[in-house]
Each structure stands twice: as C-alpha cells, then as structure tokens.
ModelCIF file with pLDDT and N, C-alpha, C, O atoms, coordinates in Angstrom:
data_MODEL
#
_entry.id   MODEL 
#
_entity.id                         1 
_entity.type                       polymer 
_entity.pdbx_number_of_molecules   1 
#
_entity_poly.entity_id                      1 
_entity_poly.type                           'polypeptide(L)' 
_entity_poly.nstd_linkage                   no 
_entity_poly.nstd_monomer                   no 
_entity_poly.pdbx_seq_one_letter_code       GSVLGDLCDHVPDRPYAPETCAWVQAATGQILPPQVRAGPTDTV 
_entity_poly.pdbx_seq_one_letter_code_can   GSVLGDLCDHVPDRPYAPETCAWVQAATGQILPPQVRAGPTDTV 
_entity_poly.pdbx_strand_id                 A 
#
loop_
_entity_poly_seq.entity_id 
_entity_poly_seq.num 
_entity_poly_seq.mon_id 
_entity_poly_seq.hetero 
1 1  GLY n 
1 2  SER n 
1 3  VAL n 
1 4  LEU n 
1 5  GLY n 
1 6  ASP n 
1 7  LEU n 
1 8  CYS n 
1 9  ASP n 
1 10 HIS n 
1 11 VAL n 
1 12 PRO n 
1 13 ASP n 
1 14 ARG n 
1 15 PRO n 
1 16 TYR n 
1 17 ALA n 
1 18 PRO n 
1 19 GLU n 
1 20 THR n 
1 21 CYS n 
1 22 ALA n 
1 23 TRP n 
1 24 VAL n 
1 25 GLN n 
1 26 ALA n 
1 27 ALA n 
1 28 THR n 
1 29 GLY n 
1 30 GLN n 
1 31 ILE n 
1 32 LEU n 
1 33 PRO n 
1 34 PRO n 
1 35 GLN n 
1 36 VAL n 
1 37 ARG n 
1 38 ALA n 
1 39 GLY n 
1 40 PRO n 
1 41 THR n 
1 42 ASP n 
1 43 THR n 
1 44 VAL n 
#
_struct_asym.id          A 
_struct_asym.entity_id   1 
#
loop_
_ma_qa_metric.id 
_ma_qa_metric.mode 
_ma_qa_metric.name 
_ma_qa_metric.software_group_id 
_ma_qa_metric.type 
1 global pLDDT . pLDDT 
2 local  pLDDT . pLDDT 
#
_ma_qa_metric_global.metric_id      1 
_ma_qa_metric_global.metric_value   84.45 
_ma_qa_metric_global.model_id       1 
_ma_qa_metric_global.ordinal_id     1 
#
loop_
_ma_qa_metric_local.label_asym_id 
_ma_qa_metric_local.label_comp_id 
_ma_qa_metric_local.label_seq_id 
_ma_qa_metric_local.metric_id 
_ma_qa_metric_local.metric_value 
_ma_qa_metric_local.model_id 
_ma_qa_metric_local.ordinal_id 
A GLY 1  2 62.00 1 1  
A SER 2  2 75.00 1 2  
A VAL 3  2 80.00 1 3  
A LEU 4  2 81.00 1 4  
A GLY 5  2 80.00 1 5  
A ASP 6  2 79.00 1 6  
A LEU 7  2 81.00 1 7  
A CYS 8  2 79.00 1 8  
A ASP 9  2 76.00 1 9  
A HIS 10 2 72.00 1 10 
A VAL 11 2 77.00 1 11 
A PRO 12 2 77.00 1 12 
A ASP 13 2 77.00 1 13 
A ARG 14 2 83.00 1 14 
A PRO 15 2 86.00 1 15 
A TYR 16 2 89.00 1 16 
A ALA 17 2 89.00 1 17 
A PRO 18 2 90.00 1 18 
A GLU 19 2 91.00 1 19 
A THR 20 2 91.00 1 20 
A CYS 21 2 91.00 1 21 
A ALA 22 2 92.00 1 22 
A TRP 23 2 92.00 1 23 
A VAL 24 2 91.00 1 24 
A GLN 25 2 92.00 1 25 
A ALA 26 2 93.00 1 26 
A ALA 27 2 91.00 1 27 
A THR 28 2 91.00 1 28 
A GLY 29 2 90.00 1 29 
A GLN 30 2 89.00 1 30 
A ILE 31 2 91.00 1 31 
A LEU 32 2 89.00 1 32 
A PRO 33 2 89.00 1 33 
A PRO 34 2 88.00 1 34 
A GLN 35 2 86.00 1 35 
A VAL 36 2 88.00 1 36 
A ARG 37 2 89.00 1 37 
A ALA 38 2 87.00 1 38 
A GLY 39 2 83.00 1 39 
A PRO 40 2 81.00 1 40 
A THR 41 2 79.00 1 41 
A ASP 42 2 80.00 1 42 
A THR 43 2 78.00 1 43 
A VAL 44 2 81.00 1 44 
#
loop_
_atom_site.group_PDB 
_atom_site.id 
_atom_site.type_symbol 
_atom_site.label_atom_id 
_atom_site.label_alt_id 
_atom_site.label_comp_id 
_atom_site.label_asym_id 
_atom_site.label_entity_id 
_atom_site.label_seq_id 
_atom_site.pdbx_PDB_ins_code 
_atom_site.Cartn_x 
_atom_site.Cartn_y 
_atom_site.Cartn_z 
_atom_site.occupancy 
_atom_site.B_iso_or_equiv 
_atom_site.pdbx_formal_charge 
_atom_site.auth_seq_id 
_atom_site.auth_comp_id 
_atom_site.auth_asym_id 
_atom_site.auth_atom_id 
_atom_site.pdbx_PDB_model_num 
ATOM 1   N N  . GLY A 1 1  ? -6.092  22.057  -12.193 1.00 62.00 ? 1  GLY A N  1 
ATOM 2   C CA . GLY A 1 1  ? -5.767  21.219  -11.327 1.00 62.00 ? 1  GLY A CA 1 
ATOM 3   C C  . GLY A 1 1  ? -6.444  19.922  -11.272 1.00 62.00 ? 1  GLY A C  1 
ATOM 4   O O  . GLY A 1 1  ? -7.628  19.958  -11.606 1.00 62.00 ? 1  GLY A O  1 
ATOM 5   N N  . SER A 1 2  ? -5.931  18.694  -10.902 1.00 75.00 ? 2  SER A N  1 
ATOM 6   C CA . SER A 1 2  ? -6.729  17.548  -10.718 1.00 75.00 ? 2  SER A CA 1 
ATOM 7   C C  . SER A 1 2  ? -6.134  16.684  -9.520  1.00 75.00 ? 2  SER A C  1 
ATOM 8   O O  . SER A 1 2  ? -5.415  15.691  -9.630  1.00 75.00 ? 2  SER A O  1 
ATOM 9   N N  . VAL A 1 3  ? -6.571  17.252  -8.411  1.00 80.00 ? 3  VAL A N  1 
ATOM 10  C CA . VAL A 1 3  ? -5.974  16.887  -7.103  1.00 80.00 ? 3  VAL A CA 1 
ATOM 11  C C  . VAL A 1 3  ? -6.174  15.437  -6.911  1.00 80.00 ? 3  VAL A C  1 
ATOM 12  O O  . VAL A 1 3  ? -5.188  14.789  -6.560  1.00 80.00 ? 3  VAL A O  1 
ATOM 13  N N  . LEU A 1 4  ? -7.090  14.941  -7.054  1.00 81.00 ? 4  LEU A N  1 
ATOM 14  C CA . LEU A 1 4  ? -7.491  13.409  -6.549  1.00 81.00 ? 4  LEU A CA 1 
ATOM 15  C C  . LEU A 1 4  ? -6.507  12.700  -7.629  1.00 81.00 ? 4  LEU A C  1 
ATOM 16  O O  . LEU A 1 4  ? -5.680  11.896  -7.200  1.00 81.00 ? 4  LEU A O  1 
ATOM 17  N N  . GLY A 1 5  ? -6.572  12.966  -8.970  1.00 80.00 ? 5  GLY A N  1 
ATOM 18  C CA . GLY A 1 5  ? -5.831  12.309  -9.830  1.00 80.00 ? 5  GLY A CA 1 
ATOM 19  C C  . GLY A 1 5  ? -4.355  12.255  -9.649  1.00 80.00 ? 5  GLY A C  1 
ATOM 20  O O  . GLY A 1 5  ? -3.676  11.258  -9.899  1.00 80.00 ? 5  GLY A O  1 
ATOM 21  N N  . ASP A 1 6  ? -3.842  13.529  -9.143  1.00 79.00 ? 6  ASP A N  1 
ATOM 22  C CA . ASP A 1 6  ? -2.207  13.590  -8.960  1.00 79.00 ? 6  ASP A CA 1 
ATOM 23  C C  . ASP A 1 6  ? -1.997  12.853  -7.565  1.00 79.00 ? 6  ASP A C  1 
ATOM 24  O O  . ASP A 1 6  ? -0.880  12.379  -7.359  1.00 79.00 ? 6  ASP A O  1 
ATOM 25  N N  . LEU A 1 7  ? -2.908  12.728  -6.664  1.00 81.00 ? 7  LEU A N  1 
ATOM 26  C CA . LEU A 1 7  ? -2.448  12.099  -5.453  1.00 81.00 ? 7  LEU A CA 1 
ATOM 27  C C  . LEU A 1 7  ? -2.518  10.535  -5.625  1.00 81.00 ? 7  LEU A C  1 
ATOM 28  O O  . LEU A 1 7  ? -1.769  9.825   -4.953  1.00 81.00 ? 7  LEU A O  1 
ATOM 29  N N  . CYS A 1 8  ? -3.402  10.000  -6.508  1.00 79.00 ? 8  CYS A N  1 
ATOM 30  C CA . CYS A 1 8  ? -3.482  8.546   -6.786  1.00 79.00 ? 8  CYS A CA 1 
ATOM 31  C C  . CYS A 1 8  ? -2.300  8.222   -7.856  1.00 79.00 ? 8  CYS A C  1 
ATOM 32  O O  . CYS A 1 8  ? -1.589  7.244   -7.621  1.00 79.00 ? 8  CYS A O  1 
ATOM 33  N N  . ASP A 1 9  ? -2.089  8.904   -8.876  1.00 76.00 ? 9  ASP A N  1 
ATOM 34  C CA . ASP A 1 9  ? -1.130  8.607   -9.742  1.00 76.00 ? 9  ASP A CA 1 
ATOM 35  C C  . ASP A 1 9  ? 0.121   8.532   -9.286  1.00 76.00 ? 9  ASP A C  1 
ATOM 36  O O  . ASP A 1 9  ? 1.002   8.110   -10.036 1.00 76.00 ? 9  ASP A O  1 
ATOM 37  N N  . HIS A 1 10 ? 0.426   8.952   -7.909  1.00 72.00 ? 10 HIS A N  1 
ATOM 38  C CA . HIS A 1 10 ? 1.997   8.862   -7.605  1.00 72.00 ? 10 HIS A CA 1 
ATOM 39  C C  . HIS A 1 10 ? 1.901   7.760   -6.570  1.00 72.00 ? 10 HIS A C  1 
ATOM 40  O O  . HIS A 1 10 ? 2.764   7.728   -5.692  1.00 72.00 ? 10 HIS A O  1 
ATOM 41  N N  . VAL A 1 11 ? 0.950   6.868   -6.586  1.00 77.00 ? 11 VAL A N  1 
ATOM 42  C CA . VAL A 1 11 ? 0.886   5.651   -5.672  1.00 77.00 ? 11 VAL A CA 1 
ATOM 43  C C  . VAL A 1 11 ? 1.478   4.414   -6.598  1.00 77.00 ? 11 VAL A C  1 
ATOM 44  O O  . VAL A 1 11 ? 0.903   4.231   -7.671  1.00 77.00 ? 11 VAL A O  1 
ATOM 45  N N  . PRO A 1 12 ? 2.360   3.731   -6.325  1.00 77.00 ? 12 PRO A N  1 
ATOM 46  C CA . PRO A 1 12 ? 3.035   2.547   -7.027  1.00 77.00 ? 12 PRO A CA 1 
ATOM 47  C C  . PRO A 1 12 ? 1.918   1.383   -6.921  1.00 77.00 ? 12 PRO A C  1 
ATOM 48  O O  . PRO A 1 12 ? 0.980   1.420   -6.125  1.00 77.00 ? 12 PRO A O  1 
ATOM 49  N N  . ASP A 1 13 ? 2.151   0.398   -7.798  1.00 77.00 ? 13 ASP A N  1 
ATOM 50  C CA . ASP A 1 13 ? 1.091   -0.679  -7.767  1.00 77.00 ? 13 ASP A CA 1 
ATOM 51  C C  . ASP A 1 13 ? 1.214   -1.537  -6.535  1.00 77.00 ? 13 ASP A C  1 
ATOM 52  O O  . ASP A 1 13 ? 0.225   -2.114  -6.084  1.00 77.00 ? 13 ASP A O  1 
ATOM 53  N N  . ARG A 1 14 ? 2.423   -1.635  -5.971  1.00 83.00 ? 14 ARG A N  1 
ATOM 54  C CA . ARG A 1 14 ? 2.515   -2.429  -4.712  1.00 83.00 ? 14 ARG A CA 1 
ATOM 55  C C  . ARG A 1 14 ? 2.885   -1.408  -3.461  1.00 83.00 ? 14 ARG A C  1 
ATOM 56  O O  . ARG A 1 14 ? 4.019   -1.414  -2.980  1.00 83.00 ? 14 ARG A O  1 
ATOM 57  N N  . PRO A 1 15 ? 1.925   -0.599  -3.009  1.00 86.00 ? 15 PRO A N  1 
ATOM 58  C CA . PRO A 1 15 ? 2.154   0.514   -2.198  1.00 86.00 ? 15 PRO A CA 1 
ATOM 59  C C  . PRO A 1 15 ? 2.396   0.256   -0.787  1.00 86.00 ? 15 PRO A C  1 
ATOM 60  O O  . PRO A 1 15 ? 2.946   1.124   -0.111  1.00 86.00 ? 15 PRO A O  1 
ATOM 61  N N  . TYR A 1 16 ? 2.041   -0.847  -0.279  1.00 89.00 ? 16 TYR A N  1 
ATOM 62  C CA . TYR A 1 16 ? 1.894   -1.012  1.170   1.00 89.00 ? 16 TYR A CA 1 
ATOM 63  C C  . TYR A 1 16 ? 3.186   -1.653  1.898   1.00 89.00 ? 16 TYR A C  1 
ATOM 64  O O  . TYR A 1 16 ? 3.744   -2.702  1.579   1.00 89.00 ? 16 TYR A O  1 
ATOM 65  N N  . ALA A 1 17 ? 3.497   -0.866  2.844   1.00 89.00 ? 17 ALA A N  1 
ATOM 66  C CA . ALA A 1 17 ? 4.909   -1.214  3.526   1.00 89.00 ? 17 ALA A CA 1 
ATOM 67  C C  . ALA A 1 17 ? 4.575   -2.350  4.541   1.00 89.00 ? 17 ALA A C  1 
ATOM 68  O O  . ALA A 1 17 ? 3.399   -2.526  4.860   1.00 89.00 ? 17 ALA A O  1 
ATOM 69  N N  . PRO A 1 18 ? 5.447   -3.034  4.996   1.00 90.00 ? 18 PRO A N  1 
ATOM 70  C CA . PRO A 1 18 ? 5.162   -4.228  6.095   1.00 90.00 ? 18 PRO A CA 1 
ATOM 71  C C  . PRO A 1 18 ? 4.317   -3.654  7.323   1.00 90.00 ? 18 PRO A C  1 
ATOM 72  O O  . PRO A 1 18 ? 3.359   -4.219  7.849   1.00 90.00 ? 18 PRO A O  1 
ATOM 73  N N  . GLU A 1 19 ? 4.817   -2.523  7.643   1.00 91.00 ? 19 GLU A N  1 
ATOM 74  C CA . GLU A 1 19 ? 4.095   -1.691  8.924   1.00 91.00 ? 19 GLU A CA 1 
ATOM 75  C C  . GLU A 1 19 ? 2.657   -1.579  8.653   1.00 91.00 ? 19 GLU A C  1 
ATOM 76  O O  . GLU A 1 19 ? 1.844   -1.799  9.551   1.00 91.00 ? 19 GLU A O  1 
ATOM 77  N N  . THR A 1 20 ? 2.267   -1.221  7.371   1.00 91.00 ? 20 THR A N  1 
ATOM 78  C CA . THR A 1 20 ? 0.980   -0.939  6.966   1.00 91.00 ? 20 THR A CA 1 
ATOM 79  C C  . THR A 1 20 ? 0.130   -2.410  7.002   1.00 91.00 ? 20 THR A C  1 
ATOM 80  O O  . THR A 1 20 ? -0.914  -2.539  7.642   1.00 91.00 ? 20 THR A O  1 
ATOM 81  N N  . CYS A 1 21 ? 0.639   -3.296  6.353   1.00 91.00 ? 21 CYS A N  1 
ATOM 82  C CA . CYS A 1 21 ? 0.015   -4.615  6.431   1.00 91.00 ? 21 CYS A CA 1 
ATOM 83  C C  . CYS A 1 21 ? -0.354  -5.079  7.596   1.00 91.00 ? 21 CYS A C  1 
ATOM 84  O O  . CYS A 1 21 ? -1.507  -5.474  7.767   1.00 91.00 ? 21 CYS A O  1 
ATOM 85  N N  . ALA A 1 22 ? 0.698   -5.105  8.708   1.00 92.00 ? 22 ALA A N  1 
ATOM 86  C CA . ALA A 1 22 ? 0.684   -5.517  9.905   1.00 92.00 ? 22 ALA A CA 1 
ATOM 87  C C  . ALA A 1 22 ? -0.548  -4.840  10.736  1.00 92.00 ? 22 ALA A C  1 
ATOM 88  O O  . ALA A 1 22 ? -1.256  -5.477  11.515  1.00 92.00 ? 22 ALA A O  1 
ATOM 89  N N  . TRP A 1 23 ? -0.685  -3.529  10.465  1.00 92.00 ? 23 TRP A N  1 
ATOM 90  C CA . TRP A 1 23 ? -1.745  -2.726  11.198  1.00 92.00 ? 23 TRP A CA 1 
ATOM 91  C C  . TRP A 1 23 ? -3.092  -3.083  10.731  1.00 92.00 ? 23 TRP A C  1 
ATOM 92  O O  . TRP A 1 23 ? -4.018  -3.282  11.516  1.00 92.00 ? 23 TRP A O  1 
ATOM 93  N N  . VAL A 1 24 ? -3.230  -3.187  9.137   1.00 91.00 ? 24 VAL A N  1 
ATOM 94  C CA . VAL A 1 24 ? -4.462  -3.619  8.851   1.00 91.00 ? 24 VAL A CA 1 
ATOM 95  C C  . VAL A 1 24 ? -4.936  -5.166  9.244   1.00 91.00 ? 24 VAL A C  1 
ATOM 96  O O  . VAL A 1 24 ? -6.122  -5.471  9.368   1.00 91.00 ? 24 VAL A O  1 
ATOM 97  N N  . GLN A 1 25 ? -3.948  -5.999  9.403   1.00 92.00 ? 25 GLN A N  1 
ATOM 98  C CA . GLN A 1 25 ? -4.291  -7.374  10.051  1.00 92.00 ? 25 GLN A CA 1 
ATOM 99  C C  . GLN A 1 25 ? -4.791  -7.208  11.477  1.00 92.00 ? 25 GLN A C  1 
ATOM 100 O O  . GLN A 1 25 ? -5.746  -7.853  11.909  1.00 92.00 ? 25 GLN A O  1 
ATOM 101 N N  . ALA A 1 26 ? -4.060  -6.254  12.241  1.00 93.00 ? 26 ALA A N  1 
ATOM 102 C CA . ALA A 1 26 ? -4.323  -6.217  13.530  1.00 93.00 ? 26 ALA A CA 1 
ATOM 103 C C  . ALA A 1 26 ? -5.684  -5.454  13.834  1.00 93.00 ? 26 ALA A C  1 
ATOM 104 O O  . ALA A 1 26 ? -6.377  -5.655  14.831  1.00 93.00 ? 26 ALA A O  1 
ATOM 105 N N  . ALA A 1 27 ? -5.939  -4.605  12.884  1.00 91.00 ? 27 ALA A N  1 
ATOM 106 C CA . ALA A 1 27 ? -7.238  -3.811  13.087  1.00 91.00 ? 27 ALA A CA 1 
ATOM 107 C C  . ALA A 1 27 ? -8.305  -4.513  12.525  1.00 91.00 ? 27 ALA A C  1 
ATOM 108 O O  . ALA A 1 27 ? -9.365  -4.392  13.140  1.00 91.00 ? 27 ALA A O  1 
ATOM 109 N N  . THR A 1 28 ? -8.319  -5.218  11.523  1.00 91.00 ? 28 THR A N  1 
ATOM 110 C CA . THR A 1 28 ? -9.593  -5.809  10.880  1.00 91.00 ? 28 THR A CA 1 
ATOM 111 C C  . THR A 1 28 ? -9.423  -7.274  10.599  1.00 91.00 ? 28 THR A C  1 
ATOM 112 O O  . THR A 1 28 ? -10.308 -7.875  9.990   1.00 91.00 ? 28 THR A O  1 
ATOM 113 N N  . GLY A 1 29 ? -8.313  -7.894  11.017  1.00 90.00 ? 29 GLY A N  1 
ATOM 114 C CA . GLY A 1 29 ? -8.303  -9.385  10.750  1.00 90.00 ? 29 GLY A CA 1 
ATOM 115 C C  . GLY A 1 29 ? -8.002  -9.712  9.321   1.00 90.00 ? 29 GLY A C  1 
ATOM 116 O O  . GLY A 1 29 ? -7.726  -10.870 9.008   1.00 90.00 ? 29 GLY A O  1 
ATOM 117 N N  . GLN A 1 30 ? -8.039  -8.844  8.530   1.00 89.00 ? 30 GLN A N  1 
ATOM 118 C CA . GLN A 1 30 ? -7.596  -9.003  6.991   1.00 89.00 ? 30 GLN A CA 1 
ATOM 119 C C  . GLN A 1 30 ? -6.138  -8.983  6.679   1.00 89.00 ? 30 GLN A C  1 
ATOM 120 O O  . GLN A 1 30 ? -5.331  -8.167  7.125   1.00 89.00 ? 30 GLN A O  1 
ATOM 121 N N  . ILE A 1 31 ? -5.880  -9.998  5.841   1.00 91.00 ? 31 ILE A N  1 
ATOM 122 C CA . ILE A 1 31 ? -4.417  -10.099 5.338   1.00 91.00 ? 31 ILE A CA 1 
ATOM 123 C C  . ILE A 1 31 ? -4.386  -9.636  3.962   1.00 91.00 ? 31 ILE A C  1 
ATOM 124 O O  . ILE A 1 31 ? -5.020  -10.226 3.087   1.00 91.00 ? 31 ILE A O  1 
ATOM 125 N N  . LEU A 1 32 ? -3.667  -8.591  3.725   1.00 89.00 ? 32 LEU A N  1 
ATOM 126 C CA . LEU A 1 32 ? -3.724  -7.893  2.449   1.00 89.00 ? 32 LEU A CA 1 
ATOM 127 C C  . LEU A 1 32 ? -2.850  -8.920  1.449   1.00 89.00 ? 32 LEU A C  1 
ATOM 128 O O  . LEU A 1 32 ? -1.822  -9.521  1.761   1.00 89.00 ? 32 LEU A O  1 
ATOM 129 N N  . PRO A 1 33 ? -3.480  -8.948  0.286   1.00 89.00 ? 33 PRO A N  1 
ATOM 130 C CA . PRO A 1 33 ? -2.880  -9.988  -0.814  1.00 89.00 ? 33 PRO A CA 1 
ATOM 131 C C  . PRO A 1 33 ? -1.371  -9.456  -1.254  1.00 89.00 ? 33 PRO A C  1 
ATOM 132 O O  . PRO A 1 33 ? -0.958  -8.298  -1.196  1.00 89.00 ? 33 PRO A O  1 
ATOM 133 N N  . PRO A 1 34 ? -0.742  -10.517 -1.663  1.00 88.00 ? 34 PRO A N  1 
ATOM 134 C CA . PRO A 1 34 ? 0.785   -10.180 -2.025  1.00 88.00 ? 34 PRO A CA 1 
ATOM 135 C C  . PRO A 1 34 ? 0.951   -9.082  -3.074  1.00 88.00 ? 34 PRO A C  1 
ATOM 136 O O  . PRO A 1 34 ? 1.883   -8.280  -3.020  1.00 88.00 ? 34 PRO A O  1 
ATOM 137 N N  . GLN A 1 35 ? -0.102  -9.067  -4.155  1.00 86.00 ? 35 GLN A N  1 
ATOM 138 C CA . GLN A 1 35 ? 0.047   -8.153  -5.178  1.00 86.00 ? 35 GLN A CA 1 
ATOM 139 C C  . GLN A 1 35 ? 0.091   -6.610  -4.843  1.00 86.00 ? 35 GLN A C  1 
ATOM 140 O O  . GLN A 1 35 ? 0.460   -5.748  -5.641  1.00 86.00 ? 35 GLN A O  1 
ATOM 141 N N  . VAL A 1 36 ? -0.398  -6.351  -3.369  1.00 88.00 ? 36 VAL A N  1 
ATOM 142 C CA . VAL A 1 36 ? -0.458  -4.947  -3.012  1.00 88.00 ? 36 VAL A CA 1 
ATOM 143 C C  . VAL A 1 36 ? 0.598   -4.740  -1.957  1.00 88.00 ? 36 VAL A C  1 
ATOM 144 O O  . VAL A 1 36 ? 0.714   -3.624  -1.451  1.00 88.00 ? 36 VAL A O  1 
ATOM 145 N N  . ARG A 1 37 ? 1.372   -5.733  -1.592  1.00 89.00 ? 37 ARG A N  1 
ATOM 146 C CA . ARG A 1 37 ? 2.552   -5.554  -0.544  1.00 89.00 ? 37 ARG A CA 1 
ATOM 147 C C  . ARG A 1 37 ? 3.775   -5.182  -1.013  1.00 89.00 ? 37 ARG A C  1 
ATOM 148 O O  . ARG A 1 37 ? 4.269   -5.875  -1.902  1.00 89.00 ? 37 ARG A O  1 
ATOM 149 N N  . ALA A 1 38 ? 4.470   -4.075  -0.535  1.00 87.00 ? 38 ALA A N  1 
ATOM 150 C CA . ALA A 1 38 ? 5.667   -3.695  -1.220  1.00 87.00 ? 38 ALA A CA 1 
ATOM 151 C C  . ALA A 1 38 ? 6.554   -4.764  -1.002  1.00 87.00 ? 38 ALA A C  1 
ATOM 152 O O  . ALA A 1 38 ? 6.420   -5.442  0.017   1.00 87.00 ? 38 ALA A O  1 
ATOM 153 N N  . GLY A 1 39 ? 7.614   -5.060  -1.976  1.00 83.00 ? 39 GLY A N  1 
ATOM 154 C CA . GLY A 1 39 ? 8.666   -5.906  -1.786  1.00 83.00 ? 39 GLY A CA 1 
ATOM 155 C C  . GLY A 1 39 ? 9.902   -5.385  -1.138  1.00 83.00 ? 39 GLY A C  1 
ATOM 156 O O  . GLY A 1 39 ? 9.932   -4.208  -0.778  1.00 83.00 ? 39 GLY A O  1 
ATOM 157 N N  . PRO A 1 40 ? 10.973  -6.208  -0.954  1.00 81.00 ? 40 PRO A N  1 
ATOM 158 C CA . PRO A 1 40 ? 12.186  -5.621  -0.228  1.00 81.00 ? 40 PRO A CA 1 
ATOM 159 C C  . PRO A 1 40 ? 12.711  -4.364  -0.878  1.00 81.00 ? 40 PRO A C  1 
ATOM 160 O O  . PRO A 1 40 ? 13.112  -3.392  -0.239  1.00 81.00 ? 40 PRO A O  1 
ATOM 161 N N  . THR A 1 41 ? 12.677  -4.463  -2.373  1.00 79.00 ? 41 THR A N  1 
ATOM 162 C CA . THR A 1 41 ? 13.438  -3.427  -3.161  1.00 79.00 ? 41 THR A CA 1 
ATOM 163 C C  . THR A 1 41 ? 12.472  -2.191  -3.581  1.00 79.00 ? 41 THR A C  1 
ATOM 164 O O  . THR A 1 41 ? 12.841  -1.193  -4.201  1.00 79.00 ? 41 THR A O  1 
ATOM 165 N N  . ASP A 1 42 ? 11.082  -2.478  -3.087  1.00 80.00 ? 42 ASP A N  1 
ATOM 166 C CA . ASP A 1 42 ? 10.083  -1.484  -3.652  1.00 80.00 ? 42 ASP A CA 1 
ATOM 167 C C  . ASP A 1 42 ? 10.261  -0.236  -2.859  1.00 80.00 ? 42 ASP A C  1 
ATOM 168 O O  . ASP A 1 42 ? 10.529  -0.269  -1.658  1.00 80.00 ? 42 ASP A O  1 
ATOM 169 N N  . THR A 1 43 ? 10.090  1.013   -3.630  1.00 78.00 ? 43 THR A N  1 
ATOM 170 C CA . THR A 1 43 ? 10.045  2.252   -2.791  1.00 78.00 ? 43 THR A CA 1 
ATOM 171 C C  . THR A 1 43 ? 8.764   2.516   -2.287  1.00 78.00 ? 43 THR A C  1 
ATOM 172 O O  . THR A 1 43 ? 7.853   2.435   -3.111  1.00 78.00 ? 43 THR A O  1 
ATOM 173 N N  . VAL A 1 44 ? 8.417   2.867   -0.925  1.00 81.00 ? 44 VAL A N  1 
ATOM 174 C CA . VAL A 1 44 ? 7.201   3.177   -0.282  1.00 81.00 ? 44 VAL A CA 1 
ATOM 175 C C  . VAL A 1 44 ? 7.176   4.663   -0.080  1.00 81.00 ? 44 VAL A C  1 
ATOM 176 O O  . VAL A 1 44 ? 6.210   5.196   0.466   1.00 81.00 ? 44 VAL A O  1 
#
C-alpha cells in the first residue's frame, strides 16, 4: 500500500468547492487563488 499517495492522487488540480473557499476566507481572511477553485463543471 501507499496510503498517502493514493489519497492525494485522487484529488483534482482544482479541488475546492465554493463552500470550502468561503469557509477558508471566513476562518483565515485568505482568498484562495483561482487555480485551485473548482469551476462550474468541475467534479469535487
């Protein structure tokens, strides 16, 4: 097994749903960059 590798390899390039982005901004004040934000047609 390669547990950590398997967990990370199944994460897309733009993984974060709008709800996650909103939570990060509310919790930390940081705005996640567009390149990690899931688009309307991306699967999260």
